[in-house]
């Protein structure tokens, strides 16, 4: 979908932007957020780390789904 929206001259920049955002979220924010959720939300839980990982990554999945739907709706609107 993005290949149809973006001009070919910007495709490399879009891919680089995506990889930077993925790296920042995946390597920088996700482990820190998981640790914060373990320490502040699941205190005293039987297995706080797996529960925290499932919660944080479930939220990431939900955010990704919302952005995918918004991108799809924008693409459909633009094609009409």
Protein backbone atom coordinates (compact mmCIF):
# COMPACT_ATOMS: atom_id res chain seq x y z
CA UNK A 1 0.00 0.00 0.00
CA UNK A 2 2.74 2.44 0.90
CA UNK A 3 4.43 1.82 -2.44
CA UNK A 4 1.33 3.13 -4.20
CA UNK A 5 1.04 6.23 -2.00
CA UNK A 6 4.67 7.33 -1.72
CA UNK A 7 6.68 8.56 -4.68
CA UNK A 8 9.50 6.24 -5.68
CA UNK A 9 12.09 8.87 -4.75
CA UNK A 10 10.91 8.74 -1.12
CA UNK A 11 10.70 4.95 -0.77
CA UNK A 12 14.20 4.61 0.71
CA UNK A 13 13.50 7.34 3.26
CA UNK A 14 10.23 5.71 4.29
CA UNK A 15 11.91 2.35 4.79
CA UNK A 16 14.70 3.98 6.81
CA UNK A 17 12.15 5.85 8.94
CA UNK A 18 10.25 2.62 9.58
CA UNK A 19 13.41 0.78 10.62
CA UNK A 20 14.46 3.58 12.98
CA UNK A 21 11.04 3.65 14.65
CA UNK A 22 11.00 -0.14 14.89
CA UNK A 23 14.47 -0.13 16.43
CA UNK A 24 13.65 2.56 18.97
CA UNK A 25 10.44 0.85 20.03
CA UNK A 26 11.73 -2.71 19.88
CA UNK A 27 15.11 -2.25 21.50
CA UNK A 28 14.71 0.89 23.56
CA UNK A 29 11.21 1.31 24.86
CA UNK A 30 9.75 -2.22 25.04
CA UNK A 31 12.21 -3.70 27.59
CA UNK A 32 12.06 -0.59 29.75
CA UNK A 33 8.28 -0.47 29.64
CA UNK A 34 8.11 -4.19 30.44
CA UNK A 35 10.32 -3.68 33.50
CA UNK A 36 8.24 -0.72 34.67
CA UNK A 37 5.04 -2.73 34.33
CA UNK A 38 6.62 -5.60 36.32
CA UNK A 39 7.66 -3.25 39.13
CA UNK A 40 4.54 -1.11 39.33
CA UNK A 41 1.56 -3.07 37.98
CA UNK A 42 2.14 -6.76 38.61
CA UNK A 43 3.67 -6.49 42.08
CA UNK A 44 3.11 -9.75 43.95
CA UNK A 45 1.89 -11.68 40.91
CA UNK A 46 2.94 -15.32 40.63
CA UNK A 47 4.74 -14.79 37.31
CA UNK A 48 5.05 -11.04 36.72
CA UNK A 49 7.54 -11.08 33.83
CA UNK A 50 5.55 -13.20 31.32
CA UNK A 51 2.35 -11.39 32.25
CA UNK A 52 4.03 -8.02 31.81
CA UNK A 53 5.53 -9.03 28.46
CA UNK A 54 2.14 -10.21 27.22
CA UNK A 55 0.50 -6.98 28.36
CA UNK A 56 3.08 -4.63 26.84
CA UNK A 57 3.32 -6.49 23.55
CA UNK A 58 -0.46 -6.84 23.38
CA UNK A 59 -0.70 -3.05 23.66
CA UNK A 60 1.91 -2.68 20.91
CA UNK A 61 -0.15 -5.03 18.73
CA UNK A 62 -3.29 -3.00 19.38
CA UNK A 63 -1.52 0.25 18.49
CA UNK A 64 -0.16 -1.35 15.31
CA UNK A 65 -3.61 -2.56 14.35
CA UNK A 66 -5.09 0.91 14.85
CA UNK A 67 -2.41 2.47 12.65
CA UNK A 68 -2.88 -0.23 9.99
CA UNK A 69 -6.64 0.44 9.89
CA UNK A 70 -6.05 4.20 9.68
CA UNK A 71 -3.57 3.69 6.85
CA UNK A 72 -6.02 1.43 5.03
CA UNK A 73 -8.88 3.90 5.42
CA UNK A 74 -6.69 6.76 4.23
CA UNK A 75 -5.60 4.69 1.25
CA UNK A 76 -9.18 3.80 0.35
CA UNK A 77 -10.24 7.44 0.66
CA UNK A 78 -7.38 8.53 -1.57
CA UNK A 79 -8.24 5.96 -4.26
CA UNK A 80 -11.89 7.01 -4.39
